[in-house]
Amino acid sequence: MGSLTGAPSGIGREFAHQLADAGINVVLVARRLAMLQDLGAALTRGYGIDYRAVGVDLSEPGMLTLNTAAHLGLSHHFGERLARRGRGGIVLVSALGAIHGVPDMAHTAATKAYVASLGAGLHVELAKRGVHVTVLHPGPTRTPVMTELGLDPGKMPIPPMAPHDCVSEALRALERNRARCIPGRINRMSAALVPSALTRSMMARMLSRPASVNTAAQ
């Protein structure tokens, strides 16, 4: 049984499809219960798996809770269960920006840095119990978030990845128990070779918006 948060769209939806394709039953968690039920029914029809849809807002009372307390609570709950079983895996989704910070989304990137640190520690702790933990650091990915941020894929310095490719790399990394996965060769090269100050400058130009919009997005 696999449990997924943020399943209705983007990377979360792709994780649901690829896990179902592997024959794994899923628990789908997000605010939009009707969308989860539609997705779960489609997964059952397409892959013959069972699902449970749980409608809950993990972000209450805010973004900081979603990316810190919610990740900690879920990792603790499922980590203990998997450790008792002696096998299984956890993928925590951080962001490429968590490595160097993102102007105009500083708070969001900082909360993703918490996810990265949490996963790095759990990777070592749970390995002794037979449980794999991988932190996914996706770069630009073709999801609805890009539209919400007003980003034009054709004008970005790094071409956005397809969610399918991003998730495929994450699941391969989890199978091999790699602590961190940066999907996409260009993203990995950028993270390794481009100075952080230059990356922040490029992100500032792409995300430059009125202050009221930036505050709302965070």
N, C-alpha and C. Protein backbone atom coordinates (compact mmCIF):
# COMPACT_ATOMS: atom_id res chain seq x y z
N MET A 1 0.84 -1.19 0.00
CA MET A 1 0.00 0.00 0.00
C MET A 1 0.88 1.24 0.00
N GLY A 2 0.63 2.16 -0.95
CA GLY A 2 1.38 3.40 -0.99
C GLY A 2 0.48 4.57 -0.63
N SER A 3 0.98 5.50 0.19
CA SER A 3 0.23 6.69 0.58
C SER A 3 0.82 7.90 -0.11
N LEU A 4 -0.06 8.72 -0.74
CA LEU A 4 0.43 9.88 -1.48
C LEU A 4 -0.35 11.12 -1.07
N THR A 5 0.39 12.22 -0.83
CA THR A 5 -0.26 13.51 -0.61
C THR A 5 -0.14 14.34 -1.89
N GLY A 6 -1.07 15.27 -2.05
CA GLY A 6 -1.04 16.11 -3.25
C GLY A 6 -1.29 15.34 -4.52
N ALA A 7 -2.16 14.32 -4.46
CA ALA A 7 -2.32 13.40 -5.59
C ALA A 7 -3.15 13.92 -6.76
N PRO A 8 -4.03 14.93 -6.60
CA PRO A 8 -4.90 15.27 -7.73
C PRO A 8 -4.20 15.77 -8.98
N SER A 9 -3.00 16.35 -8.85
CA SER A 9 -2.38 16.95 -10.03
C SER A 9 -0.86 16.87 -9.95
N GLY A 10 -0.22 17.20 -11.07
CA GLY A 10 1.23 17.34 -11.11
C GLY A 10 2.00 16.10 -10.73
N ILE A 11 3.06 16.29 -9.95
CA ILE A 11 3.95 15.20 -9.58
C ILE A 11 3.23 14.16 -8.73
N GLY A 12 2.36 14.61 -7.82
CA GLY A 12 1.62 13.67 -6.99
C GLY A 12 0.75 12.74 -7.80
N ARG A 13 0.07 13.28 -8.80
CA ARG A 13 -0.78 12.45 -9.67
C ARG A 13 0.06 11.43 -10.44
N GLU A 14 1.24 11.85 -10.90
CA GLU A 14 2.10 10.94 -11.64
C GLU A 14 2.63 9.82 -10.74
N PHE A 15 2.96 10.14 -9.49
CA PHE A 15 3.35 9.10 -8.55
C PHE A 15 2.23 8.07 -8.41
N ALA A 16 0.99 8.54 -8.30
CA ALA A 16 -0.15 7.63 -8.15
C ALA A 16 -0.25 6.67 -9.34
N HIS A 17 -0.08 7.20 -10.55
CA HIS A 17 -0.18 6.37 -11.74
C HIS A 17 0.95 5.33 -11.80
N GLN A 18 2.16 5.77 -11.51
CA GLN A 18 3.29 4.84 -11.64
C GLN A 18 3.28 3.78 -10.54
N LEU A 19 2.83 4.14 -9.35
CA LEU A 19 2.72 3.13 -8.29
C LEU A 19 1.60 2.14 -8.62
N ALA A 20 0.47 2.65 -9.12
CA ALA A 20 -0.63 1.77 -9.50
C ALA A 20 -0.21 0.85 -10.64
N ASP A 21 0.57 1.38 -11.58
CA ASP A 21 1.05 0.56 -12.70
C ASP A 21 1.94 -0.57 -12.20
N ALA A 22 2.58 -0.37 -11.06
CA ALA A 22 3.42 -1.41 -10.46
C ALA A 22 2.60 -2.38 -9.60
N GLY A 23 1.28 -2.18 -9.57
CA GLY A 23 0.42 -3.08 -8.82
C GLY A 23 0.29 -2.75 -7.35
N ILE A 24 0.65 -1.52 -6.96
CA ILE A 24 0.61 -1.12 -5.55
C ILE A 24 -0.69 -0.39 -5.25
N ASN A 25 -1.45 -0.85 -4.25
CA ASN A 25 -2.64 -0.14 -3.81
C ASN A 25 -2.24 1.21 -3.20
N VAL A 26 -3.12 2.20 -3.30
CA VAL A 26 -2.73 3.56 -2.89
C VAL A 26 -3.76 4.19 -1.96
N VAL A 27 -3.26 5.04 -1.07
CA VAL A 27 -4.09 5.95 -0.27
C VAL A 27 -3.82 7.35 -0.81
N LEU A 28 -4.85 8.01 -1.30
CA LEU A 28 -4.73 9.32 -1.92
C LEU A 28 -5.20 10.39 -0.93
N VAL A 29 -4.34 11.38 -0.68
CA VAL A 29 -4.64 12.39 0.33
C VAL A 29 -4.51 13.78 -0.27
N ALA A 30 -5.54 14.60 -0.11
CA ALA A 30 -5.51 16.00 -0.55
C ALA A 30 -6.79 16.68 -0.08
N ARG A 31 -6.91 17.97 -0.36
CA ARG A 31 -8.11 18.70 0.04
C ARG A 31 -9.31 18.34 -0.80
N ARG A 32 -9.09 18.09 -2.09
CA ARG A 32 -10.21 17.94 -3.03
C ARG A 32 -10.63 16.48 -3.13
N LEU A 33 -11.56 16.09 -2.25
CA LEU A 33 -11.96 14.68 -2.15
C LEU A 33 -12.57 14.17 -3.44
N ALA A 34 -13.42 14.97 -4.07
CA ALA A 34 -14.08 14.51 -5.30
C ALA A 34 -13.05 14.18 -6.39
N MET A 35 -12.01 15.02 -6.50
CA MET A 35 -10.96 14.76 -7.49
C MET A 35 -10.17 13.50 -7.14
N LEU A 36 -9.96 13.28 -5.84
CA LEU A 36 -9.25 12.06 -5.41
C LEU A 36 -10.07 10.82 -5.76
N GLN A 37 -11.37 10.90 -5.55
CA GLN A 37 -12.23 9.75 -5.86
C GLN A 37 -12.25 9.46 -7.35
N ASP A 38 -12.28 10.54 -8.15
CA ASP A 38 -12.23 10.34 -9.61
C ASP A 38 -10.91 9.69 -10.02
N LEU A 39 -9.81 10.18 -9.43
CA LEU A 39 -8.50 9.61 -9.74
C LEU A 39 -8.43 8.16 -9.29
N GLY A 40 -8.90 7.88 -8.08
CA GLY A 40 -8.85 6.53 -7.57
C GLY A 40 -9.66 5.56 -8.43
N ALA A 41 -10.83 6.00 -8.88
CA ALA A 41 -11.65 5.15 -9.74
C ALA A 41 -10.94 4.88 -11.06
N ALA A 42 -10.28 5.91 -11.60
CA ALA A 42 -9.54 5.72 -12.86
C ALA A 42 -8.37 4.76 -12.67
N LEU A 43 -7.71 4.84 -11.54
CA LEU A 43 -6.60 3.92 -11.26
C LEU A 43 -7.10 2.48 -11.13
N THR A 44 -8.24 2.33 -10.50
CA THR A 44 -8.82 0.98 -10.36
C THR A 44 -9.18 0.40 -11.72
N ARG A 45 -9.80 1.23 -12.56
CA ARG A 45 -10.16 0.77 -13.90
C ARG A 45 -8.93 0.45 -14.73
N GLY A 46 -7.91 1.31 -14.64
CA GLY A 46 -6.76 1.17 -15.52
C GLY A 46 -5.76 0.13 -15.07
N TYR A 47 -5.64 -0.07 -13.74
CA TYR A 47 -4.57 -0.93 -13.23
C TYR A 47 -5.06 -2.07 -12.34
N GLY A 48 -6.33 -2.05 -11.98
CA GLY A 48 -6.87 -3.12 -11.16
C GLY A 48 -6.46 -3.07 -9.71
N ILE A 49 -6.07 -1.89 -9.22
CA ILE A 49 -5.63 -1.79 -7.82
C ILE A 49 -6.78 -1.26 -6.96
N ASP A 50 -6.63 -1.35 -5.64
CA ASP A 50 -7.59 -0.77 -4.70
C ASP A 50 -7.05 0.58 -4.23
N TYR A 51 -7.98 1.46 -3.83
CA TYR A 51 -7.54 2.78 -3.36
C TYR A 51 -8.43 3.23 -2.20
N ARG A 52 -7.89 4.17 -1.44
CA ARG A 52 -8.67 4.89 -0.44
C ARG A 52 -8.42 6.37 -0.64
N ALA A 53 -9.47 7.17 -0.67
CA ALA A 53 -9.36 8.62 -0.82
C ALA A 53 -9.64 9.29 0.52
N VAL A 54 -8.73 10.14 0.96
CA VAL A 54 -8.86 10.84 2.25
C VAL A 54 -8.80 12.34 1.99
N GLY A 55 -9.90 13.02 2.23
CA GLY A 55 -9.94 14.46 2.04
C GLY A 55 -9.51 15.20 3.29
N VAL A 56 -8.33 15.81 3.25
CA VAL A 56 -7.83 16.55 4.41
C VAL A 56 -6.89 17.64 3.92
N ASP A 57 -6.92 18.78 4.59
CA ASP A 57 -6.03 19.89 4.24
C ASP A 57 -4.83 19.87 5.16
N LEU A 58 -3.72 19.34 4.68
CA LEU A 58 -2.51 19.23 5.49
C LEU A 58 -1.82 20.57 5.68
N SER A 59 -2.24 21.60 4.94
CA SER A 59 -1.58 22.90 5.04
C SER A 59 -2.12 23.74 6.18
N GLU A 60 -3.26 23.34 6.80
CA GLU A 60 -3.80 24.13 7.89
C GLU A 60 -2.85 24.10 9.08
N PRO A 61 -2.52 25.24 9.71
CA PRO A 61 -3.01 26.57 9.38
C PRO A 61 -2.16 27.36 8.39
N GLY A 62 -1.26 26.74 7.64
CA GLY A 62 -0.49 27.51 6.67
C GLY A 62 0.59 26.69 6.00
N MET A 63 1.31 27.31 5.05
CA MET A 63 2.35 26.65 4.28
C MET A 63 3.46 26.07 5.14
N LEU A 64 3.82 26.79 6.23
CA LEU A 64 4.89 26.31 7.10
C LEU A 64 4.51 24.96 7.72
N THR A 65 3.24 24.80 8.09
CA THR A 65 2.77 23.53 8.65
C THR A 65 2.86 22.42 7.62
N LEU A 66 2.46 22.71 6.39
CA LEU A 66 2.46 21.70 5.33
C LEU A 66 3.84 21.12 5.11
N ASN A 67 4.85 21.96 5.02
CA ASN A 67 6.19 21.51 4.65
C ASN A 67 7.09 21.18 5.84
N THR A 68 6.58 21.35 7.06
CA THR A 68 7.39 20.97 8.23
C THR A 68 6.64 19.95 9.08
N ALA A 69 5.66 20.41 9.84
CA ALA A 69 4.96 19.51 10.76
C ALA A 69 4.28 18.35 10.05
N ALA A 70 3.65 18.62 8.90
CA ALA A 70 2.96 17.53 8.18
C ALA A 70 3.95 16.49 7.69
N HIS A 71 5.08 16.94 7.13
CA HIS A 71 6.10 15.99 6.67
C HIS A 71 6.67 15.19 7.84
N LEU A 72 6.92 15.88 8.95
CA LEU A 72 7.46 15.19 10.12
C LEU A 72 6.48 14.16 10.65
N GLY A 73 5.21 14.56 10.79
CA GLY A 73 4.21 13.66 11.33
C GLY A 73 3.99 12.43 10.45
N LEU A 74 3.87 12.65 9.15
CA LEU A 74 3.65 11.53 8.23
C LEU A 74 4.87 10.62 8.16
N SER A 75 6.07 11.21 8.15
CA SER A 75 7.29 10.40 8.11
C SER A 75 7.42 9.56 9.37
N HIS A 76 7.08 10.14 10.51
CA HIS A 76 7.16 9.41 11.77
C HIS A 76 6.16 8.27 11.79
N HIS A 77 4.93 8.55 11.38
CA HIS A 77 3.88 7.53 11.41
C HIS A 77 4.20 6.36 10.49
N PHE A 78 4.47 6.67 9.22
CA PHE A 78 4.71 5.59 8.26
C PHE A 78 6.10 5.00 8.41
N GLY A 79 7.07 5.82 8.83
CA GLY A 79 8.41 5.29 9.06
C GLY A 79 8.41 4.20 10.12
N GLU A 80 7.67 4.43 11.21
CA GLU A 80 7.59 3.42 12.26
C GLU A 80 6.95 2.13 11.76
N ARG A 81 5.88 2.27 10.99
CA ARG A 81 5.18 1.09 10.48
C ARG A 81 6.07 0.30 9.51
N LEU A 82 6.76 1.01 8.63
CA LEU A 82 7.64 0.33 7.68
C LEU A 82 8.82 -0.32 8.38
N ALA A 83 9.34 0.36 9.41
CA ALA A 83 10.48 -0.19 10.15
C ALA A 83 10.09 -1.49 10.86
N ARG A 84 8.88 -1.54 11.42
CA ARG A 84 8.43 -2.78 12.06
C ARG A 84 8.30 -3.91 11.04
N ARG A 85 7.91 -3.53 9.82
CA ARG A 85 7.77 -4.53 8.76
C ARG A 85 9.12 -4.94 8.19
N GLY A 86 10.11 -4.04 8.31
CA GLY A 86 11.45 -4.33 7.83
C GLY A 86 11.66 -4.07 6.35
N ARG A 87 10.77 -3.35 5.72
CA ARG A 87 10.93 -3.01 4.30
C ARG A 87 9.95 -1.91 3.93
N GLY A 88 10.19 -1.31 2.75
CA GLY A 88 9.33 -0.23 2.27
C GLY A 88 10.15 0.99 1.93
N GLY A 89 9.48 2.05 1.52
CA GLY A 89 10.20 3.25 1.13
C GLY A 89 9.38 4.51 1.29
N ILE A 90 10.06 5.63 1.45
CA ILE A 90 9.43 6.95 1.58
C ILE A 90 10.12 7.90 0.63
N VAL A 91 9.33 8.62 -0.17
CA VAL A 91 9.85 9.70 -1.00
C VAL A 91 9.32 11.02 -0.45
N LEU A 92 10.21 11.90 -0.05
CA LEU A 92 9.84 13.25 0.37
C LEU A 92 10.17 14.21 -0.77
N VAL A 93 9.22 15.08 -1.10
CA VAL A 93 9.40 16.00 -2.22
C VAL A 93 9.84 17.36 -1.71
N SER A 94 11.08 17.70 -1.98
CA SER A 94 11.63 19.01 -1.66
C SER A 94 11.59 19.85 -2.95
N ALA A 95 12.63 20.55 -3.25
CA ALA A 95 12.70 21.35 -4.48
C ALA A 95 14.15 21.68 -4.76
N LEU A 96 14.45 21.87 -6.04
CA LEU A 96 15.81 22.24 -6.40
C LEU A 96 16.19 23.57 -5.74
N GLY A 97 15.22 24.46 -5.59
CA GLY A 97 15.48 25.76 -4.96
C GLY A 97 15.84 25.67 -3.50
N ALA A 98 15.52 24.54 -2.86
CA ALA A 98 15.86 24.40 -1.45
C ALA A 98 17.37 24.36 -1.23
N ILE A 99 18.12 24.05 -2.28
CA ILE A 99 19.57 23.94 -2.17
C ILE A 99 20.22 25.31 -2.04
N HIS A 100 19.65 26.31 -2.74
CA HIS A 100 20.31 27.62 -2.79
C HIS A 100 19.41 28.80 -2.45
N GLY A 101 18.10 28.57 -2.21
CA GLY A 101 17.20 29.68 -1.91
C GLY A 101 16.60 30.28 -3.17
N VAL A 102 15.39 30.81 -3.06
CA VAL A 102 14.68 31.38 -4.22
C VAL A 102 14.14 32.76 -3.88
N PRO A 103 14.66 33.82 -4.49
CA PRO A 103 14.10 35.15 -4.27
C PRO A 103 12.64 35.19 -4.70
N ASP A 104 11.83 35.98 -3.99
CA ASP A 104 10.39 36.14 -4.22
C ASP A 104 9.59 34.91 -3.84
N MET A 105 10.28 33.84 -3.46
CA MET A 105 9.63 32.66 -2.87
C MET A 105 10.51 32.15 -1.74
N ALA A 106 11.09 33.08 -1.00
CA ALA A 106 12.09 32.72 0.01
C ALA A 106 11.52 31.81 1.09
N HIS A 107 10.29 32.12 1.54
CA HIS A 107 9.69 31.31 2.60
C HIS A 107 9.42 29.89 2.13
N THR A 108 8.82 29.76 0.94
CA THR A 108 8.51 28.44 0.41
C THR A 108 9.77 27.60 0.23
N ALA A 109 10.82 28.20 -0.34
CA ALA A 109 12.07 27.47 -0.53
C ALA A 109 12.68 27.06 0.81
N ALA A 110 12.55 27.91 1.82
CA ALA A 110 13.10 27.59 3.14
C ALA A 110 12.38 26.40 3.76
N THR A 111 11.06 26.33 3.58
CA THR A 111 10.33 25.18 4.13
C THR A 111 10.72 23.90 3.39
N LYS A 112 11.02 24.01 2.10
CA LYS A 112 11.48 22.84 1.36
C LYS A 112 12.87 22.40 1.82
N ALA A 113 13.66 23.35 2.32
CA ALA A 113 14.98 22.99 2.87
C ALA A 113 14.81 22.14 4.12
N TYR A 114 13.74 22.39 4.89
CA TYR A 114 13.46 21.53 6.05
C TYR A 114 13.20 20.10 5.59
N VAL A 115 12.41 19.96 4.52
CA VAL A 115 12.12 18.62 3.99
C VAL A 115 13.41 17.91 3.59
N ALA A 116 14.32 18.65 2.95
CA ALA A 116 15.58 18.05 2.50
C ALA A 116 16.40 17.56 3.68
N SER A 117 16.49 18.38 4.73
CA SER A 117 17.27 17.99 5.90
C SER A 117 16.63 16.82 6.63
N LEU A 118 15.31 16.86 6.76
CA LEU A 118 14.60 15.76 7.42
C LEU A 118 14.85 14.44 6.69
N GLY A 119 14.70 14.46 5.38
CA GLY A 119 14.89 13.24 4.60
C GLY A 119 16.31 12.72 4.66
N ALA A 120 17.29 13.62 4.65
CA ALA A 120 18.69 13.18 4.71
C ALA A 120 18.98 12.43 6.00
N GLY A 121 18.43 12.93 7.10
CA GLY A 121 18.62 12.25 8.37
C GLY A 121 17.89 10.91 8.43
N LEU A 122 16.64 10.90 7.97
CA LEU A 122 15.86 9.67 8.00
C LEU A 122 16.44 8.60 7.08
N HIS A 123 17.10 9.04 6.01
CA HIS A 123 17.72 8.08 5.09
C HIS A 123 18.69 7.17 5.83
N VAL A 124 19.47 7.75 6.73
CA VAL A 124 20.44 6.96 7.50
C VAL A 124 19.75 6.20 8.62
N GLU A 125 18.85 6.88 9.34
CA GLU A 125 18.18 6.24 10.47
C GLU A 125 17.40 4.99 10.05
N LEU A 126 16.62 5.10 8.98
CA LEU A 126 15.73 4.01 8.59
C LEU A 126 16.41 2.94 7.75
N ALA A 127 17.57 3.26 7.18
CA ALA A 127 18.29 2.24 6.39
C ALA A 127 18.63 1.04 7.26
N LYS A 128 18.91 1.29 8.53
CA LYS A 128 19.25 0.19 9.45
C LYS A 128 18.06 -0.73 9.70
N ARG A 129 16.86 -0.24 9.38
CA ARG A 129 15.64 -1.04 9.59
C ARG A 129 15.08 -1.57 8.28
N GLY A 130 15.85 -1.43 7.19
CA GLY A 130 15.41 -1.96 5.91
C GLY A 130 14.50 -1.06 5.12
N VAL A 131 14.37 0.21 5.52
CA VAL A 131 13.46 1.16 4.86
C VAL A 131 14.27 2.16 4.05
N HIS A 132 13.89 2.35 2.78
CA HIS A 132 14.55 3.32 1.92
C HIS A 132 13.90 4.69 2.06
N VAL A 133 14.71 5.75 2.05
CA VAL A 133 14.20 7.12 2.08
C VAL A 133 14.97 7.94 1.04
N THR A 134 14.23 8.58 0.15
CA THR A 134 14.83 9.43 -0.88
C THR A 134 14.15 10.79 -0.88
N VAL A 135 14.95 11.85 -0.98
CA VAL A 135 14.40 13.20 -1.12
C VAL A 135 14.47 13.59 -2.59
N LEU A 136 13.32 13.92 -3.16
CA LEU A 136 13.24 14.37 -4.54
C LEU A 136 13.38 15.88 -4.60
N HIS A 137 14.32 16.36 -5.42
CA HIS A 137 14.54 17.79 -5.62
C HIS A 137 14.18 18.15 -7.06
N PRO A 138 12.89 18.26 -7.39
CA PRO A 138 12.54 18.57 -8.78
C PRO A 138 12.89 20.01 -9.14
N GLY A 139 13.39 20.16 -10.37
CA GLY A 139 13.57 21.49 -10.93
C GLY A 139 12.28 21.90 -11.62
N PRO A 140 12.34 22.77 -12.62
CA PRO A 140 11.14 23.16 -13.36
C PRO A 140 10.44 21.93 -13.95
N THR A 141 9.16 21.79 -13.65
CA THR A 141 8.38 20.63 -14.08
C THR A 141 7.04 21.12 -14.62
N ARG A 142 6.57 20.49 -15.68
CA ARG A 142 5.33 20.93 -16.33
C ARG A 142 4.12 20.51 -15.50
N THR A 143 3.81 21.34 -14.49
CA THR A 143 2.66 21.12 -13.62
C THR A 143 1.84 22.42 -13.56
N PRO A 144 0.62 22.36 -12.99
CA PRO A 144 -0.19 23.58 -12.88
C PRO A 144 0.47 24.70 -12.09
N VAL A 145 1.43 24.38 -11.24
CA VAL A 145 2.11 25.41 -10.45
C VAL A 145 2.81 26.42 -11.36
N MET A 146 3.34 25.96 -12.49
CA MET A 146 4.02 26.89 -13.40
C MET A 146 3.07 27.97 -13.90
N THR A 147 1.85 27.58 -14.21
CA THR A 147 0.86 28.55 -14.66
C THR A 147 0.50 29.51 -13.53
N GLU A 148 0.33 28.96 -12.32
CA GLU A 148 0.00 29.80 -11.18
C GLU A 148 1.07 30.84 -10.91
N LEU A 149 2.33 30.49 -11.17
CA LEU A 149 3.44 31.43 -10.95
C LEU A 149 3.66 32.36 -12.14
N GLY A 150 2.90 32.16 -13.22
CA GLY A 150 3.05 33.01 -14.39
C GLY A 150 4.30 32.74 -15.18
N LEU A 151 4.82 31.51 -15.14
CA LEU A 151 6.06 31.17 -15.84
C LEU A 151 5.75 30.65 -17.24
N ASP A 152 6.53 31.11 -18.21
CA ASP A 152 6.40 30.67 -19.59
C ASP A 152 7.48 29.62 -19.86
N PRO A 153 7.10 28.34 -20.06
CA PRO A 153 8.11 27.30 -20.27
C PRO A 153 9.07 27.60 -21.41
N GLY A 154 8.59 28.29 -22.43
CA GLY A 154 9.44 28.59 -23.58
C GLY A 154 10.50 29.62 -23.30
N LYS A 155 10.37 30.36 -22.21
CA LYS A 155 11.34 31.41 -21.88
C LYS A 155 12.23 31.06 -20.70
N MET A 156 12.16 29.81 -20.27
CA MET A 156 12.97 29.42 -19.11
C MET A 156 14.33 28.90 -19.54
N PRO A 157 15.38 29.19 -18.75
CA PRO A 157 16.74 28.75 -19.13
C PRO A 157 16.90 27.24 -19.12
N ILE A 158 16.13 26.54 -18.29
CA ILE A 158 16.15 25.08 -18.25
C ILE A 158 14.78 24.58 -18.67
N PRO A 159 14.70 23.77 -19.74
CA PRO A 159 13.40 23.27 -20.20
C PRO A 159 12.71 22.46 -19.09
N PRO A 160 11.44 22.74 -18.82
CA PRO A 160 10.73 21.99 -17.78
C PRO A 160 10.64 20.50 -18.12
N MET A 161 10.73 19.67 -17.09
CA MET A 161 10.61 18.23 -17.27
C MET A 161 9.14 17.81 -17.30
N ALA A 162 8.87 16.68 -17.91
CA ALA A 162 7.55 16.07 -17.82
C ALA A 162 7.42 15.39 -16.46
N PRO A 163 6.25 15.47 -15.80
CA PRO A 163 6.08 14.80 -14.51
C PRO A 163 6.42 13.32 -14.56
N HIS A 164 6.12 12.66 -15.67
CA HIS A 164 6.40 11.23 -15.80
C HIS A 164 7.88 10.95 -15.63
N ASP A 165 8.72 11.75 -16.29
CA ASP A 165 10.17 11.53 -16.21
C ASP A 165 10.70 11.83 -14.81
N CYS A 166 10.16 12.88 -14.20
CA CYS A 166 10.57 13.26 -12.85
C CYS A 166 10.28 12.14 -11.86
N VAL A 167 9.07 11.61 -11.92
CA VAL A 167 8.67 10.55 -10.99
C VAL A 167 9.43 9.25 -11.26
N SER A 168 9.65 8.93 -12.53
CA SER A 168 10.39 7.70 -12.87
C SER A 168 11.78 7.72 -12.25
N GLU A 169 12.46 8.86 -12.34
CA GLU A 169 13.79 8.96 -11.75
C GLU A 169 13.74 8.85 -10.23
N ALA A 170 12.69 9.44 -9.64
CA ALA A 170 12.56 9.39 -8.18
C ALA A 170 12.36 7.96 -7.70
N LEU A 171 11.53 7.20 -8.39
CA LEU A 171 11.27 5.83 -7.97
C LEU A 171 12.48 4.93 -8.19
N ARG A 172 13.26 5.20 -9.24
CA ARG A 172 14.50 4.44 -9.43
C ARG A 172 15.49 4.75 -8.30
N ALA A 173 15.56 6.02 -7.93
CA ALA A 173 16.45 6.40 -6.84
C ALA A 173 16.02 5.76 -5.53
N LEU A 174 14.70 5.69 -5.30
CA LEU A 174 14.20 5.06 -4.08
C LEU A 174 14.54 3.57 -4.06
N GLU A 175 14.38 2.92 -5.20
CA GLU A 175 14.70 1.49 -5.28
C GLU A 175 16.16 1.23 -4.93
N ARG A 176 17.04 2.15 -5.34
CA ARG A 176 18.47 2.01 -5.07
C ARG A 176 18.87 2.63 -3.74
N ASN A 177 17.91 3.15 -3.02
CA ASN A 177 18.10 3.81 -1.73
C ASN A 177 19.11 4.95 -1.80
N ARG A 178 18.94 5.80 -2.78
CA ARG A 178 19.76 7.00 -2.84
C ARG A 178 19.14 8.08 -1.97
N ALA A 179 19.97 8.79 -1.24
CA ALA A 179 19.47 9.80 -0.31
C ALA A 179 18.81 10.97 -1.03
N ARG A 180 19.32 11.30 -2.20
CA ARG A 180 18.82 12.49 -2.91
C ARG A 180 18.67 12.20 -4.38
N CYS A 181 17.62 12.74 -4.99
CA CYS A 181 17.41 12.61 -6.42
C CYS A 181 17.12 13.97 -7.02
N ILE A 182 18.01 14.43 -7.90
CA ILE A 182 17.75 15.62 -8.71
C ILE A 182 17.46 15.12 -10.11
N PRO A 183 16.19 15.12 -10.53
CA PRO A 183 15.85 14.54 -11.83
C PRO A 183 16.27 15.45 -12.98
N GLY A 184 16.76 14.84 -14.05
CA GLY A 184 17.15 15.60 -15.23
C GLY A 184 18.63 15.94 -15.25
N ARG A 185 19.31 15.55 -16.34
CA ARG A 185 20.75 15.78 -16.43
C ARG A 185 21.10 17.27 -16.34
N ILE A 186 20.31 18.11 -17.00
CA ILE A 186 20.59 19.55 -16.97
C ILE A 186 20.44 20.09 -15.56
N ASN A 187 19.42 19.65 -14.84
CA ASN A 187 19.23 20.10 -13.46
C ASN A 187 20.41 19.69 -12.58
N ARG A 188 20.89 18.45 -12.77
CA ARG A 188 22.02 17.98 -11.96
C ARG A 188 23.28 18.78 -12.27
N MET A 189 23.51 19.06 -13.55
CA MET A 189 24.68 19.86 -13.92
C MET A 189 24.58 21.26 -13.36
N SER A 190 23.39 21.84 -13.44
CA SER A 190 23.18 23.19 -12.92
C SER A 190 23.45 23.25 -11.43
N ALA A 191 22.92 22.26 -10.69
CA ALA A 191 23.10 22.25 -9.24
C ALA A 191 24.57 22.09 -8.87
N ALA A 192 25.31 21.33 -9.68
CA ALA A 192 26.72 21.04 -9.36
C ALA A 192 27.67 22.15 -9.80
N LEU A 193 27.35 22.82 -10.92
CA LEU A 193 28.33 23.70 -11.54
C LEU A 193 28.00 25.19 -11.48
N VAL A 194 26.71 25.54 -11.48
CA VAL A 194 26.34 26.96 -11.52
C VAL A 194 26.39 27.54 -10.11
N PRO A 195 27.11 28.64 -9.90
CA PRO A 195 27.19 29.25 -8.57
C PRO A 195 25.80 29.62 -8.04
N SER A 196 25.61 29.45 -6.75
CA SER A 196 24.31 29.72 -6.14
C SER A 196 23.85 31.16 -6.37
N ALA A 197 24.80 32.10 -6.32
CA ALA A 197 24.44 33.51 -6.51
C ALA A 197 23.86 33.74 -7.91
N LEU A 198 24.43 33.08 -8.91
CA LEU A 198 23.93 33.23 -10.27
C LEU A 198 22.54 32.59 -10.40
N THR A 199 22.37 31.44 -9.78
CA THR A 199 21.06 30.78 -9.82
C THR A 199 20.00 31.66 -9.18
N ARG A 200 20.30 32.26 -8.03
CA ARG A 200 19.34 33.15 -7.37
C ARG A 200 19.01 34.35 -8.23
N SER A 201 20.01 34.88 -8.92
CA SER A 201 19.79 36.03 -9.79
C SER A 201 18.86 35.67 -10.94
N MET A 202 19.07 34.50 -11.54
CA MET A 202 18.21 34.05 -12.64
C MET A 202 16.78 33.84 -12.15
N MET A 203 16.62 33.22 -10.98
CA MET A 203 15.29 32.99 -10.43
C MET A 203 14.59 34.30 -10.10
N ALA A 204 15.35 35.27 -9.63
CA ALA A 204 14.76 36.58 -9.30
C ALA A 204 14.18 37.23 -10.55
N ARG A 205 14.88 37.10 -11.67
CA ARG A 205 14.37 37.69 -12.92
C ARG A 205 13.11 36.96 -13.39
N MET A 206 13.08 35.64 -13.26
CA MET A 206 11.92 34.88 -13.71
C MET A 206 10.69 35.11 -12.84
N LEU A 207 10.91 35.27 -11.53
CA LEU A 207 9.79 35.33 -10.59
C LEU A 207 9.45 36.74 -10.15
N SER A 208 10.10 37.73 -10.75
CA SER A 208 9.85 39.12 -10.36
C SER A 208 8.41 39.48 -10.66
N ARG A 209 7.64 39.77 -9.59
CA ARG A 209 6.24 40.14 -9.69
C ARG A 209 5.93 41.19 -8.66
N PRO A 210 4.74 41.82 -8.72
CA PRO A 210 4.38 42.78 -7.69
C PRO A 210 4.43 42.15 -6.31
N ALA A 211 4.78 42.94 -5.31
CA ALA A 211 4.96 42.41 -3.95
C ALA A 211 3.71 41.73 -3.44
N SER A 212 2.52 42.25 -3.78
CA SER A 212 1.29 41.65 -3.30
C SER A 212 1.11 40.23 -3.81
N VAL A 213 1.53 39.99 -5.07
CA VAL A 213 1.41 38.65 -5.65
C VAL A 213 2.40 37.71 -4.99
N ASN A 214 3.63 38.19 -4.78
CA ASN A 214 4.64 37.35 -4.15
C ASN A 214 4.21 36.90 -2.76
N THR A 215 3.66 37.83 -2.00
CA THR A 215 3.23 37.52 -0.63
C THR A 215 2.13 36.48 -0.64
N ALA A 216 1.19 36.61 -1.58
CA ALA A 216 0.09 35.66 -1.66
C ALA A 216 0.59 34.27 -2.01
N ALA A 217 1.59 34.20 -2.90
CA ALA A 217 2.10 32.91 -3.33
C ALA A 217 2.82 32.18 -2.21
N GLN A 218 3.35 32.95 -1.26
CA GLN A 218 4.11 32.32 -0.19
C GLN A 218 3.21 31.87 0.93
